[in-house]
Amino acid sequence: MGKKHCRNKQEVLQRVRQKKQQEAGKPKTILQSRLQTINQLRPAMEKARKKMREEKKNAGIGI
């Protein structure tokens, strides 16, 4: 299916609006939902990593 060429600015804007409306009706893709989950968990993961580093650093001093 080839691309249709727009003759003027109004047609371009109309196509953009139609495309946005079509995308708004689509459910989230799997990748989008995974990315959202990762972004939600990131602060907790960073906190856990920091805690593990501190514990490892403190364990080395006691020896």
C-alpha atoms as a PDB file:
ATOM      1  CA  MET A   1       0.000   0.000   0.000  1.00  0.00           C
ATOM      2  CA  GLY A   2       1.605   3.243  -1.137  1.00  0.00           C
ATOM      3  CA  LYS A   3       1.581   6.545   0.658  1.00  0.00           C
ATOM      4  CA  LYS A   4      -0.937   9.125  -0.445  1.00  0.00           C
ATOM      5  CA  HIS A   5       0.404  12.576  -1.126  1.00  0.00           C
ATOM      6  CA  CYS A   6      -1.376  15.582   0.301  1.00  0.00           C
ATOM      7  CA  ARG A   7      -2.023  18.564  -1.905  1.00  0.00           C
ATOM      8  CA  ASN A   8      -2.116  21.249   0.777  1.00  0.00           C
ATOM      9  CA  LYS A   9      -1.537  21.987   4.443  1.00  0.00           C
ATOM     10  CA  GLN A  10      -5.151  21.246   5.418  1.00  0.00           C
ATOM     11  CA  GLU A  11      -4.907  17.709   4.088  1.00  0.00           C
ATOM     12  CA  VAL A  12      -1.662  17.181   5.988  1.00  0.00           C
ATOM     13  CA  LEU A  13      -3.227  18.370   9.254  1.00  0.00           C
ATOM     14  CA  GLN A  14      -6.316  16.245   8.631  1.00  0.00           C
ATOM     15  CA  ARG A  15      -4.167  13.132   8.125  1.00  0.00           C
ATOM     16  CA  VAL A  16      -2.240  13.866  11.326  1.00  0.00           C
ATOM     17  CA  ARG A  17      -5.503  14.202  13.278  1.00  0.00           C
ATOM     18  CA  GLN A  18      -6.858  10.956  11.822  1.00  0.00           C
ATOM     19  CA  LYS A  19      -3.671   9.101  12.695  1.00  0.00           C
ATOM     20  CA  LYS A  20      -3.772  10.386  16.289  1.00  0.00           C
ATOM     21  CA  GLN A  21      -7.403   9.332  16.664  1.00  0.00           C
ATOM     22  CA  GLN A  22      -6.623   5.848  15.380  1.00  0.00           C
ATOM     23  CA  GLU A  23      -3.676   5.493  17.771  1.00  0.00           C
ATOM     24  CA  ALA A  24      -5.716   6.773  20.723  1.00  0.00           C
ATOM     25  CA  GLY A  25      -8.196   3.928  20.282  1.00  0.00           C
ATOM     26  CA  LYS A  26      -5.530   1.212  20.275  1.00  0.00           C
ATOM     27  CA  PRO A  27      -4.749  -0.698  23.462  1.00  0.00           C
ATOM     28  CA  LYS A  28      -1.233  -0.448  24.834  1.00  0.00           C
ATOM     29  CA  THR A  29       1.292  -2.688  23.224  1.00  0.00           C
ATOM     30  CA  ILE A  30       3.132  -5.289  25.263  1.00  0.00           C
ATOM     31  CA  LEU A  31       6.369  -3.325  25.056  1.00  0.00           C
ATOM     32  CA  GLN A  32       4.713  -0.158  26.324  1.00  0.00           C
ATOM     33  CA  SER A  33       3.259  -1.966  29.330  1.00  0.00           C
ATOM     34  CA  ARG A  34       6.636  -3.617  30.080  1.00  0.00           C
ATOM     35  CA  LEU A  35       8.399  -0.262  29.886  1.00  0.00           C
ATOM     36  CA  GLN A  36       5.849   1.278  32.227  1.00  0.00           C
ATOM     37  CA  THR A  37       6.375  -1.573  34.720  1.00  0.00           C
ATOM     38  CA  ILE A  38      10.162  -1.198  34.554  1.00  0.00           C
ATOM     39  CA  ASN A  39       9.921   2.541  35.100  1.00  0.00           C
ATOM     40  CA  GLN A  40       7.662   2.018  38.119  1.00  0.00           C
ATOM     41  CA  LEU A  41      10.079  -0.498  39.677  1.00  0.00           C
ATOM     42  CA  ARG A  42      13.265   1.475  38.959  1.00  0.00           C
ATOM     43  CA  PRO A  43      13.304   3.546  42.215  1.00  0.00           C
ATOM     44  CA  ALA A  44      12.877   0.417  44.360  1.00  0.00           C
ATOM     45  CA  MET A  45      15.628  -1.377  42.433  1.00  0.00           C
ATOM     46  CA  GLU A  46      18.016   1.562  42.834  1.00  0.00           C
ATOM     47  CA  LYS A  47      17.309   1.657  46.580  1.00  0.00           C
ATOM     48  CA  ALA A  48      17.975  -2.084  46.897  1.00  0.00           C
ATOM     49  CA  ARG A  49      21.251  -1.801  44.942  1.00  0.00           C
ATOM     50  CA  LYS A  50      22.409   1.067  47.129  1.00  0.00           C
ATOM     51  CA  LYS A  51      21.573  -0.905  50.276  1.00  0.00           C
ATOM     52  CA  MET A  52      23.472  -3.962  48.988  1.00  0.00           C
ATOM     53  CA  ARG A  53      26.523  -1.816  48.165  1.00  0.00           C
ATOM     54  CA  GLU A  54      26.489  -0.313  51.643  1.00  0.00           C
ATOM     55  CA  GLU A  55      26.219  -3.744  53.269  1.00  0.00           C
ATOM     56  CA  LYS A  56      29.064  -5.069  51.139  1.00  0.00           C
ATOM     57  CA  LYS A  57      31.227  -2.048  51.944  1.00  0.00           C
ATOM     58  CA  ASN A  58      30.531  -2.349  55.684  1.00  0.00           C
ATOM     59  CA  ALA A  59      31.204  -6.113  55.657  1.00  0.00           C
ATOM     60  CA  GLY A  60      34.667  -5.499  54.198  1.00  0.00           C
ATOM     61  CA  ILE A  61      35.621  -3.099  56.980  1.00  0.00           C
ATOM     62  CA  GLY A  62      34.845  -5.556  59.799  1.00  0.00           C
ATOM     63  CA  ILE A  63      37.306  -8.212  58.636  1.00  0.00           C
END
